Protein backbone atom coordinates (compact mmCIF):
# COMPACT_ATOMS: atom_id res chain seq x y z
CA UNK A 1 26.55 -34.49 -32.18
CA UNK A 2 30.45 -34.34 -32.15
CA UNK A 3 30.55 -34.80 -35.45
CA UNK A 4 28.82 -31.31 -36.01
CA UNK A 5 29.82 -27.83 -35.26
CA UNK A 6 27.37 -26.88 -32.49
CA UNK A 7 29.04 -24.63 -30.47
CA UNK A 8 28.73 -20.78 -30.37
CA UNK A 9 30.77 -18.26 -28.98
CA UNK A 10 28.92 -14.87 -29.23
CA UNK A 11 31.12 -11.92 -28.38
CA UNK A 12 30.21 -8.02 -28.16
CA UNK A 13 32.55 -5.85 -29.84
CA UNK A 14 34.05 -3.50 -27.95
CA UNK A 15 31.22 -3.36 -25.81
CA UNK A 16 31.50 -0.32 -23.44
CA UNK A 17 32.39 1.91 -26.80
CA UNK A 18 29.44 0.33 -28.07
CA UNK A 19 27.16 1.18 -25.78
CA UNK A 20 28.07 4.71 -25.76
CA UNK A 21 28.11 4.81 -29.81
CA UNK A 22 24.65 3.13 -29.45
CA UNK A 23 23.39 6.05 -26.87
CA UNK A 24 24.99 8.65 -28.35
CA UNK A 25 24.51 9.31 -32.09
CA UNK A 26 26.97 11.95 -32.28
CA UNK A 27 29.77 9.17 -31.40
CA UNK A 28 28.71 7.13 -34.49
CA UNK A 29 31.52 6.31 -36.84
CA UNK A 30 34.01 8.69 -34.40
CA UNK A 31 37.35 7.05 -32.33
CA UNK A 32 35.69 6.72 -29.15
CA UNK A 33 38.09 5.86 -25.74
CA UNK A 34 35.84 4.58 -22.55
CA UNK A 35 37.81 5.01 -19.33
CA UNK A 36 39.79 7.74 -16.78
CA UNK A 37 43.60 7.38 -16.20
CA UNK A 38 43.83 3.95 -18.57
CA UNK A 39 41.67 2.63 -21.61
CA UNK A 40 38.48 0.51 -20.49
CA UNK A 41 37.47 0.09 -24.35
CA UNK A 42 38.14 1.65 -27.61
CA UNK A 43 35.92 1.70 -30.60
CA UNK A 44 37.25 0.15 -33.71
CA UNK A 45 37.62 3.49 -35.40
CA UNK A 46 40.10 4.53 -32.32
CA UNK A 47 41.76 0.89 -32.75
CA UNK A 48 42.52 1.24 -36.14
CA UNK A 49 45.04 3.64 -34.91
CA UNK A 50 47.04 1.43 -32.59
CA UNK A 51 44.87 2.33 -29.57
CA UNK A 52 44.33 -0.92 -27.33
CA UNK A 53 43.33 -2.10 -23.76
CA UNK A 54 44.52 -1.43 -20.90
CA UNK A 55 46.90 1.79 -22.40
CA UNK A 56 46.81 4.97 -20.53
CA UNK A 57 45.05 7.78 -21.99
CA UNK A 58 47.56 9.89 -22.87
CA UNK A 59 49.15 7.44 -24.97
CA UNK A 60 46.05 6.69 -26.71
CA UNK A 61 45.73 10.41 -27.27
CA UNK A 62 49.07 10.37 -28.82
CA UNK A 63 48.15 7.40 -31.51
CA UNK A 64 44.34 8.76 -32.07
CA UNK A 65 44.43 12.59 -31.25
CA UNK A 66 40.95 12.92 -32.58
CA UNK A 67 39.27 10.60 -29.74
CA UNK A 68 36.63 11.46 -27.26
CA UNK A 69 36.92 10.24 -24.10
CA UNK A 70 33.76 9.38 -22.20
CA UNK A 71 33.68 8.06 -18.50
CA UNK A 72 32.38 4.42 -18.27
CA UNK A 73 28.99 4.28 -16.97
CA UNK A 74 28.69 0.67 -15.53
CA UNK A 75 24.90 0.70 -15.05
CA UNK A 76 24.17 0.85 -18.50
CA UNK A 77 26.31 -1.55 -19.68
CA UNK A 78 25.27 -4.05 -17.03
CA UNK A 79 21.50 -2.98 -18.43
CA UNK A 80 22.70 -3.99 -21.69
CA UNK A 81 23.91 -7.00 -20.76
CA UNK A 82 21.27 -8.18 -19.66
CA UNK A 83 19.24 -7.35 -22.90
CA UNK A 84 21.67 -9.85 -24.56
CA UNK A 85 21.34 -12.37 -22.69
CA UNK A 86 17.69 -12.33 -22.89
CA UNK A 87 18.25 -12.62 -26.12
CA UNK A 88 20.90 -15.49 -25.55
CA UNK A 89 18.49 -17.66 -23.43
CA UNK A 90 15.84 -17.09 -25.99
CA UNK A 91 17.99 -18.51 -28.89
CA UNK A 92 18.66 -22.26 -26.73
CA UNK A 93 18.69 -23.06 -22.69
CA UNK A 94 22.13 -24.06 -23.14
CA UNK A 95 23.75 -20.86 -22.47
CA UNK A 96 27.04 -20.52 -20.24
CA UNK A 97 28.51 -16.78 -19.20
CA UNK A 98 32.03 -16.09 -19.63
CA UNK A 99 31.81 -12.44 -18.71
CA UNK A 100 29.51 -9.51 -18.96
CA UNK A 101 29.73 -9.32 -22.65
CA UNK A 102 30.50 -13.16 -23.99
CA UNK A 103 28.82 -16.53 -23.69
CA UNK A 104 29.20 -19.86 -25.15
CA UNK A 105 25.80 -21.55 -26.51
CA UNK A 106 25.23 -25.14 -27.43
CA UNK A 107 22.57 -25.35 -30.14
CA UNK A 108 23.13 -29.23 -31.05
CA UNK A 109 19.48 -29.75 -29.98
CA UNK A 110 17.73 -27.20 -32.10
CA UNK A 111 18.24 -28.65 -35.51
CA UNK A 112 14.88 -29.34 -36.15
CA UNK A 113 13.03 -26.59 -34.81
CA UNK A 114 15.26 -23.66 -35.13
CA UNK A 115 17.80 -24.58 -38.24
CA UNK A 116 21.43 -25.05 -38.73
CA UNK A 117 23.64 -23.84 -36.14
CA UNK A 118 24.92 -21.30 -38.82
CA UNK A 119 21.26 -20.07 -39.15
CA UNK A 120 20.83 -19.90 -35.95
CA UNK A 121 24.15 -17.68 -35.17
CA UNK A 122 22.89 -15.30 -37.86
CA UNK A 123 19.48 -14.88 -36.25
CA UNK A 124 20.91 -14.41 -33.01
CA UNK A 125 23.27 -11.44 -34.04
CA UNK A 126 19.88 -9.73 -35.70
CA UNK A 127 18.01 -10.02 -32.63
CA UNK A 128 20.90 -8.65 -30.73
CA UNK A 129 20.91 -5.59 -33.12
CA UNK A 130 17.11 -5.33 -32.84
CA UNK A 131 16.55 -5.56 -29.34
CA UNK A 132 19.75 -4.47 -27.75
CA UNK A 133 21.17 -2.23 -30.55
CA UNK A 134 24.75 -3.45 -30.26
CA UNK A 135 26.88 -5.41 -32.70
CA UNK A 136 28.12 -9.05 -31.94
CA UNK A 137 30.48 -11.62 -33.31
CA UNK A 138 29.69 -15.13 -33.37
CA UNK A 139 32.30 -18.14 -33.77
CA UNK A 140 30.67 -21.54 -34.46
CA UNK A 141 32.58 -24.64 -34.10
CA UNK A 142 32.82 -28.38 -32.51
CA UNK A 143 34.84 -27.59 -29.41
CA UNK A 144 34.82 -24.32 -27.18
CA UNK A 145 38.65 -23.34 -27.53
CA UNK A 146 37.75 -23.32 -31.76
CA UNK A 147 34.53 -21.44 -31.19
CA UNK A 148 36.08 -18.60 -29.03
CA UNK A 149 39.17 -18.71 -31.60
CA UNK A 150 36.64 -17.89 -34.78
CA UNK A 151 34.75 -15.40 -32.61
CA UNK A 152 37.83 -13.18 -32.16
CA UNK A 153 39.24 -13.99 -36.14
CA UNK A 154 35.63 -12.89 -37.16
CA UNK A 155 35.55 -9.49 -35.34
CA UNK A 156 33.87 -7.06 -35.99
CA UNK A 157 30.35 -7.59 -36.30
CA UNK A 158 31.24 -11.10 -38.18
CA UNK A 159 29.79 -14.64 -38.24
CA UNK A 160 32.85 -17.24 -38.90
CA UNK A 161 31.57 -21.16 -39.03
CA UNK A 162 34.80 -23.41 -38.84
CA UNK A 163 32.90 -26.28 -40.58
CA UNK A 164 34.36 -30.24 -39.30
CA UNK A 165 36.76 -31.75 -40.91
CA UNK A 166 38.60 -28.24 -41.62
CA UNK A 167 39.39 -27.48 -38.42
CA UNK A 168 43.21 -27.59 -38.27
CA UNK A 169 43.46 -25.98 -41.65
CA UNK A 170 41.83 -22.78 -40.36
CA UNK A 171 43.42 -22.90 -36.77
CA UNK A 172 47.17 -23.95 -38.29
CA UNK A 173 48.03 -21.14 -39.94
CA UNK A 174 47.14 -18.54 -36.90
CA UNK A 175 49.41 -17.00 -34.72
CA UNK A 176 50.86 -18.40 -31.30
CA UNK A 177 48.84 -16.18 -29.22
CA UNK A 178 45.47 -17.26 -30.59
CA UNK A 179 46.28 -20.58 -28.39
CA UNK A 180 44.54 -20.11 -24.63
CA UNK A 181 47.30 -19.50 -22.07
CA UNK A 182 50.06 -17.91 -24.74
CA UNK A 183 50.90 -14.43 -23.04
CA UNK A 184 53.77 -12.02 -24.20
CA UNK A 185 56.19 -15.00 -22.00
CA UNK A 186 55.47 -18.03 -23.43
CA UNK A 187 55.05 -16.39 -26.74
CA UNK A 188 58.75 -15.18 -26.36
CA UNK A 189 60.04 -18.35 -25.57
CA UNK A 190 58.25 -20.15 -28.40
CA UNK A 191 59.43 -17.38 -30.71
CA UNK A 192 62.88 -17.30 -29.90
CA UNK A 193 63.06 -21.38 -30.99
CA UNK A 194 60.88 -20.16 -34.31
CA UNK A 195 57.85 -21.34 -33.23
CA UNK A 196 55.07 -18.29 -34.51
CA UNK A 197 52.07 -20.21 -35.54
CA UNK A 198 49.66 -22.81 -34.35
CA UNK A 199 50.77 -25.65 -36.86
CA UNK A 200 54.30 -24.96 -35.86
CA UNK A 201 53.44 -25.93 -32.33
CA UNK A 202 51.41 -29.27 -33.24
CA UNK A 203 54.50 -30.28 -35.32
CA UNK A 204 56.75 -29.68 -32.31
CA UNK A 205 55.09 -32.76 -30.11
CA UNK A 206 54.00 -32.91 -26.38
CA UNK A 207 57.58 -34.12 -25.31
CA UNK A 208 59.46 -30.89 -26.71
CA UNK A 209 56.79 -28.45 -25.53
CA UNK A 210 56.74 -29.96 -21.74
CA UNK A 211 60.66 -29.63 -21.47
CA UNK A 212 60.31 -26.04 -22.99
CA UNK A 213 57.40 -25.19 -21.00
CA UNK A 214 56.74 -27.57 -18.47
CA UNK A 215 54.43 -30.67 -17.93
CA UNK A 216 51.21 -28.56 -17.51
CA UNK A 217 51.39 -25.74 -20.04
CA UNK A 218 53.02 -28.28 -22.49
CA UNK A 219 50.50 -30.80 -23.02
CA UNK A 220 47.69 -28.10 -22.45
CA UNK A 221 49.45 -26.67 -25.83
CA UNK A 222 49.75 -29.35 -27.38
CA UNK A 223 46.21 -30.58 -26.98
CA UNK A 224 44.54 -27.14 -28.26
CA UNK A 225 46.97 -26.89 -30.93
CA UNK A 226 45.13 -30.05 -32.37
CA UNK A 227 41.91 -28.94 -31.63
CA UNK A 228 41.57 -30.96 -28.63
CA UNK A 229 39.15 -29.57 -25.89
CA UNK A 230 36.65 -32.27 -24.32
CA UNK A 231 34.43 -29.42 -22.53
CA UNK A 232 30.79 -29.17 -23.03
CA UNK A 233 29.05 -25.99 -22.38
CA UNK A 234 27.58 -25.77 -19.51
CA UNK A 235 23.74 -24.51 -18.43
CA UNK A 236 23.60 -23.02 -14.97
CA UNK A 237 27.19 -22.67 -14.61
CA UNK A 238 28.31 -20.12 -11.71
CA UNK A 239 31.04 -18.17 -11.44
CA UNK A 240 34.21 -19.41 -9.89
CA UNK A 241 35.08 -15.86 -8.39
CA UNK A 242 33.88 -12.22 -7.84
CA UNK A 243 35.86 -9.43 -8.08
CA UNK A 244 36.55 -5.73 -8.66
CA UNK A 245 39.38 -4.02 -10.54
CA UNK A 246 39.67 0.09 -10.23
CA UNK A 247 41.80 2.06 -12.97
CA UNK A 248 44.39 4.83 -11.42
CA UNK A 249 45.76 6.47 -14.02
CA UNK A 250 49.18 7.39 -14.49
CA UNK A 251 49.87 9.88 -12.01
CA UNK A 252 52.08 8.72 -9.12
CA UNK A 253 49.75 7.70 -5.78
CA UNK A 254 50.73 7.29 -2.35
CA UNK A 255 50.52 4.05 -0.86
CA UNK A 256 47.97 5.25 1.30
CA UNK A 257 45.71 6.04 -1.43
CA UNK A 258 46.31 2.61 -2.74
CA UNK A 259 45.50 1.08 0.11
CA UNK A 260 42.33 3.24 0.58
CA UNK A 261 41.29 2.40 -3.61
CA UNK A 262 41.52 -1.48 -2.15
CA UNK A 263 39.31 -0.89 0.78
CA UNK A 264 36.58 0.33 -1.37
CA UNK A 265 36.92 -2.74 -3.75
CA UNK A 266 36.54 -5.33 -1.31
CA UNK A 267 33.67 -3.58 0.46
CA UNK A 268 31.97 -3.79 -3.16
CA UNK A 269 33.01 -7.39 -3.79
CA UNK A 270 32.28 -8.73 -0.56
CA UNK A 271 29.07 -6.63 -0.70
CA UNK A 272 28.29 -8.51 -3.45
CA UNK A 273 29.08 -12.05 -2.12
CA UNK A 274 26.82 -11.36 0.70
CA UNK A 275 24.10 -10.34 -2.03
CA UNK A 276 24.96 -13.97 -4.35
CA UNK A 277 25.16 -15.91 -0.82
CA UNK A 278 28.35 -17.16 -1.74
CA UNK A 279 31.48 -17.30 1.13
CA UNK A 280 35.17 -17.98 -0.63
CA UNK A 281 38.19 -19.26 0.54
CA UNK A 282 40.69 -17.64 -1.57
CA UNK A 283 42.29 -13.91 -2.09
CA UNK A 284 43.79 -12.97 -5.15
CA UNK A 285 45.38 -9.31 -5.55
CA UNK A 286 46.02 -7.76 -8.85
CA UNK A 287 48.35 -5.35 -9.87
CA UNK A 288 49.31 -3.42 -13.12
CA UNK A 289 52.41 -1.50 -13.06
CA UNK A 290 53.51 2.02 -14.83
CA UNK A 291 55.41 -0.29 -17.39
CA UNK A 292 52.46 -2.34 -18.23
CA UNK A 293 53.39 -5.43 -16.67
CA UNK A 294 51.12 -7.37 -14.23
CA UNK A 295 51.70 -8.78 -10.81
CA UNK A 296 49.05 -11.33 -9.22
CA UNK A 297 49.29 -12.42 -5.71
CA UNK A 298 47.16 -15.39 -3.65
CA UNK A 299 46.22 -16.60 -0.34
CA UNK A 300 43.64 -19.14 0.64
CA UNK A 301 41.96 -18.47 4.34
CA UNK A 302 41.29 -21.81 6.69
CA UNK A 303 37.92 -21.59 5.95
CA UNK A 304 35.13 -19.81 3.61
CA UNK A 305 33.87 -16.24 4.42
CA UNK A 306 32.62 -13.38 3.03
CA UNK A 307 33.34 -11.22 5.80
CA UNK A 308 34.63 -7.70 4.56
CA UNK A 309 37.09 -8.02 7.69
CA UNK A 310 38.80 -11.19 7.17
CA UNK A 311 38.98 -10.43 3.40
CA UNK A 312 40.28 -7.16 3.74
CA UNK A 313 42.86 -8.29 6.04
CA UNK A 314 44.39 -10.50 3.62
CA UNK A 315 44.07 -8.59 0.58
CA UNK A 316 45.98 -5.70 2.50
CA UNK A 317 48.89 -8.64 3.38
CA UNK A 318 49.17 -9.28 -0.16
CA UNK A 319 48.97 -5.74 -1.07
CA UNK A 320 52.38 -4.97 1.32
CA UNK A 321 54.32 -7.83 -0.19
CA UNK A 322 54.14 -6.22 -3.50
CA UNK A 323 54.77 -2.40 -2.11
CA UNK A 324 58.50 -2.36 -3.45
CA UNK A 325 57.19 -3.80 -7.12
CA UNK A 326 54.88 -0.38 -6.69
CA UNK A 327 57.32 2.12 -5.53
CA UNK A 328 59.77 1.43 -7.84
CA UNK A 329 57.39 0.85 -11.11
CA UNK A 330 53.98 3.22 -10.17
CA UNK A 331 50.79 1.59 -10.38
CA UNK A 332 47.81 2.16 -12.97
CA UNK A 333 45.29 -0.60 -11.69
CA UNK A 334 44.83 -2.69 -8.87
CA UNK A 335 41.75 -5.26 -7.95
CA UNK A 336 40.99 -7.77 -5.97
CA UNK A 337 39.15 -11.13 -6.82
CA UNK A 338 37.66 -14.04 -4.16
CA UNK A 339 38.03 -17.32 -5.39
CA UNK A 340 37.21 -21.20 -4.37
CA UNK A 341 33.19 -20.04 -3.83
CA UNK A 342 31.12 -22.28 -2.59
CA UNK A 343 27.91 -23.22 -3.97
CA UNK A 344 25.40 -22.15 -1.75
CA UNK A 345 26.91 -20.08 1.02
CA UNK A 346 27.14 -23.29 3.38
CA UNK A 347 30.29 -23.03 5.79
CA UNK A 348 31.59 -25.33 8.78
CA UNK A 349 30.99 -23.80 11.60
CA UNK A 350 33.41 -24.18 14.69
CA UNK A 351 32.76 -23.35 18.09
CA UNK A 352 31.71 -21.29 19.43
CA UNK A 353 28.75 -21.41 16.88
CA UNK A 354 29.13 -17.81 15.39
CA UNK A 355 28.44 -17.43 11.87
CA UNK A 356 31.29 -16.98 10.17
CA UNK A 357 29.45 -14.98 7.00
CA UNK A 358 28.76 -11.84 8.96
CA UNK A 359 29.84 -9.64 12.15
CA UNK A 360 26.63 -7.44 12.30
CA UNK A 361 28.88 -4.69 11.00
CA UNK A 362 28.32 -5.88 7.56
CA UNK A 363 24.70 -6.19 8.29
CA UNK A 364 24.00 -2.80 8.93
CA UNK A 365 26.17 -1.30 6.10
CA UNK A 366 24.54 -3.43 4.05
CA UNK A 367 21.02 -2.71 4.74
CA UNK A 368 21.83 1.07 4.76
CA UNK A 369 23.69 1.19 1.38
CA UNK A 370 20.69 -1.23 -0.10
CA UNK A 371 17.73 1.48 1.26
CA UNK A 372 19.96 4.65 0.53
CA UNK A 373 22.27 3.83 -2.21
CA UNK A 374 26.03 2.09 -2.59
CA UNK A 375 27.30 5.94 -2.02
CA UNK A 376 25.73 6.88 1.46
CA UNK A 377 28.40 4.88 3.33
CA UNK A 378 32.02 4.98 2.72
CA UNK A 379 35.34 4.74 4.46
CA UNK A 380 36.73 7.78 5.80
CA UNK A 381 39.97 7.19 4.20
CA UNK A 382 38.40 7.39 0.76
CA UNK A 383 36.66 10.74 1.10
CA UNK A 384 37.88 13.46 -1.35
CA UNK A 385 39.69 10.84 -3.03
CA UNK A 386 39.55 10.01 -6.57
CA UNK A 387 39.59 6.70 -6.86
CA UNK A 388 38.90 6.13 -10.66
CA UNK A 389 36.47 3.99 -12.52
CA UNK A 390 35.70 0.51 -10.96
CA UNK A 391 34.70 -2.50 -12.98
CA UNK A 392 33.71 -5.95 -12.52
CA UNK A 393 37.10 -8.15 -12.16
CA UNK A 394 37.28 -10.69 -15.55
CA UNK A 395 39.19 -13.19 -16.00
CA UNK A 396 42.74 -12.37 -17.79
């Protein structure tokens, strides 16, 4: 049904902050910040004052002195996400999760039993409000790219349908930052050449974009500027990486404390990998510095693993390469992810035939934590340290 707008992008509004406002009536209609040293989420009342993520708490309070700061409650957010995804799967069997608070849905085969995509989207929003108590915005379009753009433009708590034949009229006046892959650096290069809108990108031509940005980025942006996106919604899509990140706040921290935080994150990530039965090959370290610049370091292993020791050794090597930047700029966030995950945990064994998934110690620690709680066993280096809130590491 390529001639119809049948792809929905459903995105919860200021998810963490909305859960806090749902659960505490005293927070409703008031500016709310969720976080510790940095803002993990801000309600729209706080965003109206210029607060953004991942802004430091001190800066956020300066912009919005009346803001109420609450610590993150990951269990509550996980439960809310589960309730929302139940609504998604009751709406259509073709659901592709993107993160804890958003997904693509394909509703093209539901016309006879459920009505038009717009009416399905409207009912979905009402169901999420009734069953989960949360606001959600839905964009509807023929491509995944444009459905996601529509939901972003339709926020907060909205429904925006881009009709077939009107896609470019909707897309081209938007700023270049609406294109996937256009961050501050790319936007700067384009604006230096007076390229400010998606329409400007479309008129520039593929060859000029390739010359300016390189082959991959140039072709990618040229296709998106013409709404060319052939990807379909994939039901049962498994995530390509498992990760976690920790906001550290603005205060200076010794390198040893950062290393301890990284170790705790690796413990958490590898435990989740073993629980899911998935081994991975690529270890990625993500850092945000005190000046809000970012750095990413990756290294691939020779074979997939879910062993804590192997992944931590690799992550620590990456951290050491970034130490000069950390000491120069300070650090506000550290994250680690393992990608190139296998589909079923299967790994080619090598002589001698020892299971690369596990080294015995991992199994013992997992068993203790499963029985007595995740905090029952911790690394000595983390005792007495405030590691800040830890949240799942999501795609940039």
